PDB file of N, CA and C in Angstrom:
ATOM      1  N   MET A   1      81.964 101.585 109.707  1.00  0.00           N
ATOM      2  CA  MET A   1      83.670 102.132 109.261  1.00  0.00           C
ATOM      3  C   MET A   1      84.581 102.622 110.752  1.00  0.00           C
ATOM      4  N   ARG A   2      86.030 102.237 110.480  1.00  0.00           N
ATOM      5  CA  ARG A   2      86.989 102.791 111.979  1.00  0.00           C
ATOM      6  C   ARG A   2      87.581 103.785 111.081  1.00  0.00           C
ATOM      7  N   GLU A   3      87.917 105.046 112.213  1.00  0.00           N
ATOM      8  CA  GLU A   3      89.028 105.909 111.469  1.00  0.00           C
ATOM      9  C   GLU A   3      90.116 105.690 112.158  1.00  0.00           C
ATOM     10  N   PHE A   4      91.476 106.738 111.846  1.00  0.00           N
ATOM     11  CA  PHE A   4      92.602 106.578 111.979  1.00  0.00           C
ATOM     12  C   PHE A   4      92.729 108.108 112.065  1.00  0.00           C
ATOM     13  N   GLN A   5      93.746 108.306 112.960  1.00  0.00           N
ATOM     14  CA  GLN A   5      94.000 109.736 113.009  1.00  0.00           C
ATOM     15  C   GLN A   5      95.759 109.820 112.951  1.00  0.00           C
ATOM     16  N   LEU A   6      95.809 110.726 111.891  1.00  0.00           N
ATOM     17  CA  LEU A   6      97.344 111.451 111.773  1.00  0.00           C
ATOM     18  C   LEU A   6      97.868 111.932 112.629  1.00  0.00           C
ATOM     19  N   HIS A   7      99.087 111.773 113.076  1.00  0.00           N
ATOM     20  CA  HIS A   7      99.655 112.309 114.483  1.00  0.00           C
ATOM     21  C   HIS A   7     100.497 113.366 114.134  1.00  0.00           C
ATOM     22  N   GLY A   8     100.256 114.386 114.820  1.00  0.00           N
ATOM     23  CA  GLY A   8     100.965 115.888 114.835  1.00  0.00           C
ATOM     24  C   GLY A   8     100.897 116.038 113.289  1.00  0.00           C
ATOM     25  N   GLU A   9     102.068 116.392 112.793  1.00  0.00           N
ATOM     26  CA  GLU A   9     102.414 117.706 111.932  1.00  0.00           C
ATOM     27  C   GLU A   9     102.428 116.433 110.074  1.00  0.00           C
ATOM     28  N   GLU A  10     101.825 115.025 110.674  1.00  0.00           N
ATOM     29  CA  GLU A  10     102.123 114.416 109.296  1.00  0.00           C
ATOM     30  C   GLU A  10     100.999 114.446 108.065  1.00  0.00           C
ATOM     31  N   ASP A  11     101.373 114.599 107.445  1.00  0.00           N
ATOM     32  CA  ASP A  11     100.195 115.048 106.087  1.00  0.00           C
ATOM     33  C   ASP A  11      99.535 113.805 105.762  1.00  0.00           C
ATOM     34  N   PHE A  12     100.445 112.990 105.947  1.00  0.00           N
ATOM     35  CA  PHE A  12     100.212 111.227 104.920  1.00  0.00           C
ATOM     36  C   PHE A  12     100.418 110.266 105.875  1.00  0.00           C
ATOM     37  N   ILE A  13     100.351 108.987 105.314  1.00  0.00           N
ATOM     38  CA  ILE A  13     100.633 107.866 105.817  1.00  0.00           C
ATOM     39  C   ILE A  13     100.817 106.858 105.091  1.00  0.00           C
ATOM     40  N   LYS A  14     101.758 105.832 104.526  1.00  0.00           N
ATOM     41  CA  LYS A  14     102.064 104.925 103.479  1.00  0.00           C
ATOM     42  C   LYS A  14     100.795 103.799 103.705  1.00  0.00           C
ATOM     43  N   LEU A  15     100.811 103.418 102.692  1.00  0.00           N
ATOM     44  CA  LEU A  15      99.349 102.386 102.913  1.00  0.00           C
ATOM     45  C   LEU A  15     100.198 101.333 103.572  1.00  0.00           C
ATOM     46  N   GLY A  16     100.949 100.373 103.450  1.00  0.00           N
ATOM     47  CA  GLY A  16     101.779  99.474 104.225  1.00  0.00           C
ATOM     48  C   GLY A  16     101.476 100.182 105.768  1.00  0.00           C
ATOM     49  N   GLN A  17     101.918 101.089 106.126  1.00  0.00           N
ATOM     50  CA  GLN A  17     102.183 101.581 107.375  1.00  0.00           C
ATOM     51  C   GLN A  17     100.893 101.808 107.459  1.00  0.00           C
ATOM     52  N   LEU A  18      99.827 102.252 107.498  1.00  0.00           N
ATOM     53  CA  LEU A  18      98.708 102.087 107.869  1.00  0.00           C
ATOM     54  C   LEU A  18      98.151 100.467 108.303  1.00  0.00           C
ATOM     55  N   LEU A  19      98.525  99.965 107.330  1.00  0.00           N
ATOM     56  CA  LEU A  19      97.372  98.652 107.565  1.00  0.00           C
ATOM     57  C   LEU A  19      97.965  97.443 108.944  1.00  0.00           C
ATOM     58  N   LYS A  20      99.609  98.207 109.013  1.00  0.00           N
ATOM     59  CA  LYS A  20     100.347  97.827 110.633  1.00  0.00           C
ATOM     60  C   LYS A  20      99.700  98.518 111.506  1.00  0.00           C
ATOM     61  N   ALA A  21      99.968  99.792 111.594  1.00  0.00           N
ATOM     62  CA  ALA A  21      99.205 100.818 112.293  1.00  0.00           C
ATOM     63  C   ALA A  21      97.911 100.460 112.716  1.00  0.00           C
ATOM     64  N   ALA A  22      97.111 100.275 112.318  1.00  0.00           N
ATOM     65  CA  ALA A  22      95.836  99.560 112.562  1.00  0.00           C
ATOM     66  C   ALA A  22      95.755  98.454 113.032  1.00  0.00           C
ATOM     67  N   GLY A  23      96.568  97.628 113.098  1.00  0.00           N
ATOM     68  CA  GLY A  23      96.307  96.371 113.402  1.00  0.00           C
ATOM     69  C   GLY A  23      95.791  95.323 112.524  1.00  0.00           C
ATOM     70  N   LEU A  24      95.663  95.210 111.191  1.00  0.00           N
ATOM     71  CA  LEU A  24      95.033  94.788 109.855  1.00  0.00           C
ATOM     72  C   LEU A  24      96.323  93.759 109.650  1.00  0.00           C
ATOM     73  N   VAL A  25      97.321  94.079 109.708  1.00  0.00           N
ATOM     74  CA  VAL A  25      98.205  92.732 108.982  1.00  0.00           C
ATOM     75  C   VAL A  25      99.424  93.113 110.727  1.00  0.00           C
ATOM     76  N   ASP A  26     100.011  91.988 110.623  1.00  0.00           N
ATOM     77  CA  ASP A  26     101.300  91.911 111.964  1.00  0.00           C
ATOM     78  C   ASP A  26     102.192  92.485 111.601  1.00  0.00           C
ATOM     79  N   SER A  27     102.857  92.278 110.339  1.00  0.00           N
ATOM     80  CA  SER A  27     104.175  92.930 109.735  1.00  0.00           C
ATOM     81  C   SER A  27     104.166  93.718 108.810  1.00  0.00           C
ATOM     82  N   GLY A  28     105.377  94.350 108.489  1.00  0.00           N
ATOM     83  CA  GLY A  28     105.060  95.154 107.280  1.00  0.00           C
ATOM     84  C   GLY A  28     105.481  94.279 106.258  1.00  0.00           C
ATOM     85  N   VAL A  29     106.015  93.161 105.962  1.00  0.00           N
ATOM     86  CA  VAL A  29     106.413  92.075 105.094  1.00  0.00           C
ATOM     87  C   VAL A  29     104.779  91.485 104.889  1.00  0.00           C
ATOM     88  N   GLU A  30     103.619  91.266 105.630  1.00  0.00           N
ATOM     89  CA  GLU A  30     102.515  90.640 105.584  1.00  0.00           C
ATOM     90  C   GLU A  30     101.827  91.670 104.896  1.00  0.00           C
ATOM     91  N   ALA A  31     101.942  93.464 105.022  1.00  0.00           N
ATOM     92  CA  ALA A  31     101.598  94.278 104.421  1.00  0.00           C
ATOM     93  C   ALA A  31     101.661  94.271 103.104  1.00  0.00           C
ATOM     94  N   LYS A  32     102.902  93.822 102.768  1.00  0.00           N
ATOM     95  CA  LYS A  32     104.012  94.044 101.444  1.00  0.00           C
ATOM     96  C   LYS A  32     103.093  93.002 100.423  1.00  0.00           C
ATOM     97  N   TYR A  33     102.779  91.804 100.796  1.00  0.00           N
ATOM     98  CA  TYR A  33     102.336  90.597  99.943  1.00  0.00           C
ATOM     99  C   TYR A  33     101.009  90.766  99.714  1.00  0.00           C
ATOM    100  N   ALA A  34     100.122  91.331 100.851  1.00  0.00           N
ATOM    101  CA  ALA A  34      98.992  91.581 100.563  1.00  0.00           C
ATOM    102  C   ALA A  34      98.292  92.501 100.018  1.00  0.00           C
ATOM    103  N   ILE A  35      99.651  93.832  99.496  1.00  0.00           N
ATOM    104  CA  ILE A  35      98.964  95.328  98.969  1.00  0.00           C
ATOM    105  C   ILE A  35      99.413  94.707  97.031  1.00  0.00           C
ATOM    106  N   GLU A  36     100.251  93.944  97.025  1.00  0.00           N
ATOM    107  CA  GLU A  36     101.325  93.452  95.976  1.00  0.00           C
ATOM    108  C   GLU A  36     100.030  92.295  95.276  1.00  0.00           C
ATOM    109  N   GLU A  37      99.297  91.347  96.028  1.00  0.00           N
ATOM    110  CA  GLU A  37      97.819  90.884  95.373  1.00  0.00           C
ATOM    111  C   GLU A  37      97.032  91.279  95.657  1.00  0.00           C
ATOM    112  N   GLY A  38      96.684  93.188  95.834  1.00  0.00           N
ATOM    113  CA  GLY A  38      95.648  93.507  95.430  1.00  0.00           C
ATOM    114  C   GLY A  38      94.723  93.118  96.146  1.00  0.00           C
ATOM    115  N   LYS A  39      94.770  92.862  97.655  1.00  0.00           N
ATOM    116  CA  LYS A  39      93.948  92.910  98.682  1.00  0.00           C
ATOM    117  C   LYS A  39      93.731  94.447  99.143  1.00  0.00           C
ATOM    118  N   ALA A  40      93.815  94.883  98.983  1.00  0.00           N
ATOM    119  CA  ALA A  40      93.839  96.292  99.496  1.00  0.00           C
ATOM    120  C   ALA A  40      93.090  97.547  98.344  1.00  0.00           C
ATOM    121  N   SER A  41      92.293  98.230  98.846  1.00  0.00           N
ATOM    122  CA  SER A  41      91.594  99.217  98.142  1.00  0.00           C
ATOM    123  C   SER A  41      91.987 100.610  99.044  1.00  0.00           C
ATOM    124  N   VAL A  42      92.004 101.945  98.171  1.00  0.00           N
ATOM    125  CA  VAL A  42      92.080 103.136  98.383  1.00  0.00           C
ATOM    126  C   VAL A  42      91.056 103.862  97.563  1.00  0.00           C
ATOM    127  N   ASN A  43      90.428 104.316  98.262  1.00  0.00           N
ATOM    128  CA  ASN A  43      89.002 105.139  97.726  1.00  0.00           C
ATOM    129  C   ASN A  43      88.466 104.429  96.941  1.00  0.00           C
ATOM    130  N   GLY A  44      88.027 103.077  96.857  1.00  0.00           N
ATOM    131  CA  GLY A  44      87.135 102.447  95.906  1.00  0.00           C
ATOM    132  C   GLY A  44      88.114 101.409  94.734  1.00  0.00           C
ATOM    133  N   GLU A  45      89.339 102.050  94.654  1.00  0.00           N
ATOM    134  CA  GLU A  45      90.015 101.405  94.044  1.00  0.00           C
ATOM    135  C   GLU A  45      91.012 100.871  94.321  1.00  0.00           C
ATOM    136  N   VAL A  46      91.481  99.250  93.393  1.00  0.00           N
ATOM    137  CA  VAL A  46      92.679  98.351  93.707  1.00  0.00           C
ATOM    138  C   VAL A  46      93.880  99.162  94.082  1.00  0.00           C
ATOM    139  N   CYS A  47      94.500  99.145  95.456  1.00  0.00           N
ATOM    140  CA  CYS A  47      96.351  99.438  95.202  1.00  0.00           C
ATOM    141  C   CYS A  47      96.727  98.256  95.288  1.00  0.00           C
ATOM    142  N   THR A  48      98.265  98.785  94.692  1.00  0.00           N
ATOM    143  CA  THR A  48      99.031  97.481  94.664  1.00  0.00           C
ATOM    144  C   THR A  48     100.478  98.180  95.166  1.00  0.00           C
ATOM    145  N   MET A  49     100.445  98.935  94.916  1.00  0.00           N
ATOM    146  CA  MET A  49     101.614  99.922  95.756  1.00  0.00           C
ATOM    147  C   MET A  49     101.580 100.302  97.434  1.00  0.00           C
ATOM    148  N   ARG A  50     102.467  99.319  98.186  1.00  0.00           N
ATOM    149  CA  ARG A  50     102.513  99.790  99.534  1.00  0.00           C
ATOM    150  C   ARG A  50     103.044 101.227  99.902  1.00  0.00           C
ATOM    151  N   GLY A  51     103.621 101.474  99.030  1.00  0.00           N
ATOM    152  CA  GLY A  51     104.097 102.802  99.314  1.00  0.00           C
ATOM    153  C   GLY A  51     103.170 104.464  98.726  1.00  0.00           C
ATOM    154  N   LYS A  52     101.835 103.989  98.577  1.00  0.00           N
ATOM    155  CA  LYS A  52     101.504 105.030  98.249  1.00  0.00           C
ATOM    156  C   LYS A  52     100.973 105.974  99.424  1.00  0.00           C
ATOM    157  N   LYS A  53     100.628 106.897  99.293  1.00  0.00           N
ATOM    158  CA  LYS A  53     100.821 108.206 100.255  1.00  0.00           C
ATOM    159  C   LYS A  53      98.882 108.388 100.521  1.00  0.00           C
ATOM    160  N   ILE A  54      98.530 107.785 101.746  1.00  0.00           N
ATOM    161  CA  ILE A  54      97.134 108.242 102.450  1.00  0.00           C
ATOM    162  C   ILE A  54      97.218 109.058 103.032  1.00  0.00           C
ATOM    163  N   HIS A  55      96.302 110.291 102.608  1.00  0.00           N
ATOM    164  CA  HIS A  55      95.892 111.611 103.340  1.00  0.00           C
ATOM    165  C   HIS A  55      94.723 111.683 104.291  1.00  0.00           C
ATOM    166  N   ALA A  56      94.275 112.582 104.597  1.00  0.00           N
ATOM    167  CA  ALA A  56      93.219 112.973 105.409  1.00  0.00           C
ATOM    168  C   ALA A  56      92.202 112.895 104.736  1.00  0.00           C
ATOM    169  N   GLY A  57      91.306 112.270 104.954  1.00  0.00           N
ATOM    170  CA  GLY A  57      89.680 112.258 104.105  1.00  0.00           C
ATOM    171  C   GLY A  57      89.903 110.688 102.964  1.00  0.00           C
ATOM    172  N   ASP A  58      91.092 110.132 102.897  1.00  0.00           N
ATOM    173  CA  ASP A  58      91.282 108.753 102.157  1.00  0.00           C
ATOM    174  C   ASP A  58      90.442 107.729 102.835  1.00  0.00           C
ATOM    175  N   VAL A  59      89.889 106.903 102.278  1.00  0.00           N
ATOM    176  CA  VAL A  59      88.800 105.369 102.883  1.00  0.00           C
ATOM    177  C   VAL A  59      89.776 104.348 102.225  1.00  0.00           C
ATOM    178  N   VAL A  60      90.160 103.377 103.214  1.00  0.00           N
ATOM    179  CA  VAL A  60      90.980 102.382 102.702  1.00  0.00           C
ATOM    180  C   VAL A  60      90.280 100.909 103.381  1.00  0.00           C
ATOM    181  N   ALA A  61      90.251 100.013 102.472  1.00  0.00           N
ATOM    182  CA  ALA A  61      89.784  99.129 102.485  1.00  0.00           C
ATOM    183  C   ALA A  61      90.844  97.729 102.536  1.00  0.00           C
ATOM    184  N   PHE A  62      90.485  96.912 103.432  1.00  0.00           N
ATOM    185  CA  PHE A  62      91.133  95.624 103.550  1.00  0.00           C
ATOM    186  C   PHE A  62      90.592  94.919 104.099  1.00  0.00           C
ATOM    187  N   GLY A  63      90.722  93.300 103.888  1.00  0.00           N
ATOM    188  CA  GLY A  63      89.676  92.497 104.802  1.00  0.00           C
ATOM    189  C   GLY A  63      88.832  92.716 105.153  1.00  0.00           C
ATOM    190  N   GLY A  64      87.845  93.288 104.575  1.00  0.00           N
ATOM    191  CA  GLY A  64      86.256  93.707 105.305  1.00  0.00           C
ATOM    192  C   GLY A  64      85.968  94.784 105.814  1.00  0.00           C
ATOM    193  N   GLU A  65      87.164  95.148 106.074  1.00  0.00           N
ATOM    194  CA  GLU A  65      87.310  96.743 107.223  1.00  0.00           C
ATOM    195  C   GLU A  65      87.655  97.832 106.612  1.00  0.00           C
ATOM    196  N   GLU A  66      87.090  98.854 106.857  1.00  0.00           N
ATOM    197  CA  GLU A  66      86.976 100.224 106.092  1.00  0.00           C
ATOM    198  C   GLU A  66      87.792 101.090 107.345  1.00  0.00           C
ATOM    199  N   ILE A  67      88.560 102.034 106.924  1.00  0.00           N
ATOM    200  CA  ILE A  67      89.475 102.934 107.974  1.00  0.00           C
ATOM    201  C   ILE A  67      88.996 104.185 107.171  1.00  0.00           C
ATOM    202  N   ARG A  68      88.648 105.055 107.778  1.00  0.00           N
ATOM    203  CA  ARG A  68      88.807 106.818 107.289  1.00  0.00           C
ATOM    204  C   ARG A  68      89.848 107.315 107.678  1.00  0.00           C
ATOM    205  N   VAL A  69      90.909 107.914 106.903  1.00  0.00           N
ATOM    206  CA  VAL A  69      92.088 108.755 107.642  1.00  0.00           C
ATOM    207  C   VAL A  69      91.569 109.809 107.921  1.00  0.00           C
ATOM    208  N   ARG A  70      91.608 110.569 109.217  1.00  0.00           N
ATOM    209  CA  ARG A  70      91.861 111.548 109.846  1.00  0.00           C
ATOM    210  C   ARG A  70      92.772 112.503 109.834  1.00  0.00           C
TER     211      ARG A  70
END
């Protein structure tokens, strides 16, 4: 499991932004379509909202990778 550290005073990162920042997708457009197709899950549940707020402690799974947000 990989970890992703929120920066500064951020309380959250949006799901699409996380996938891009973690290098799991090449662009925001790619993230948008992958999420809409149900390819991402948050805390074990499929999520189709790219604007879903991901907070510290959440675990995102995508493409066989898991990321814990800190």
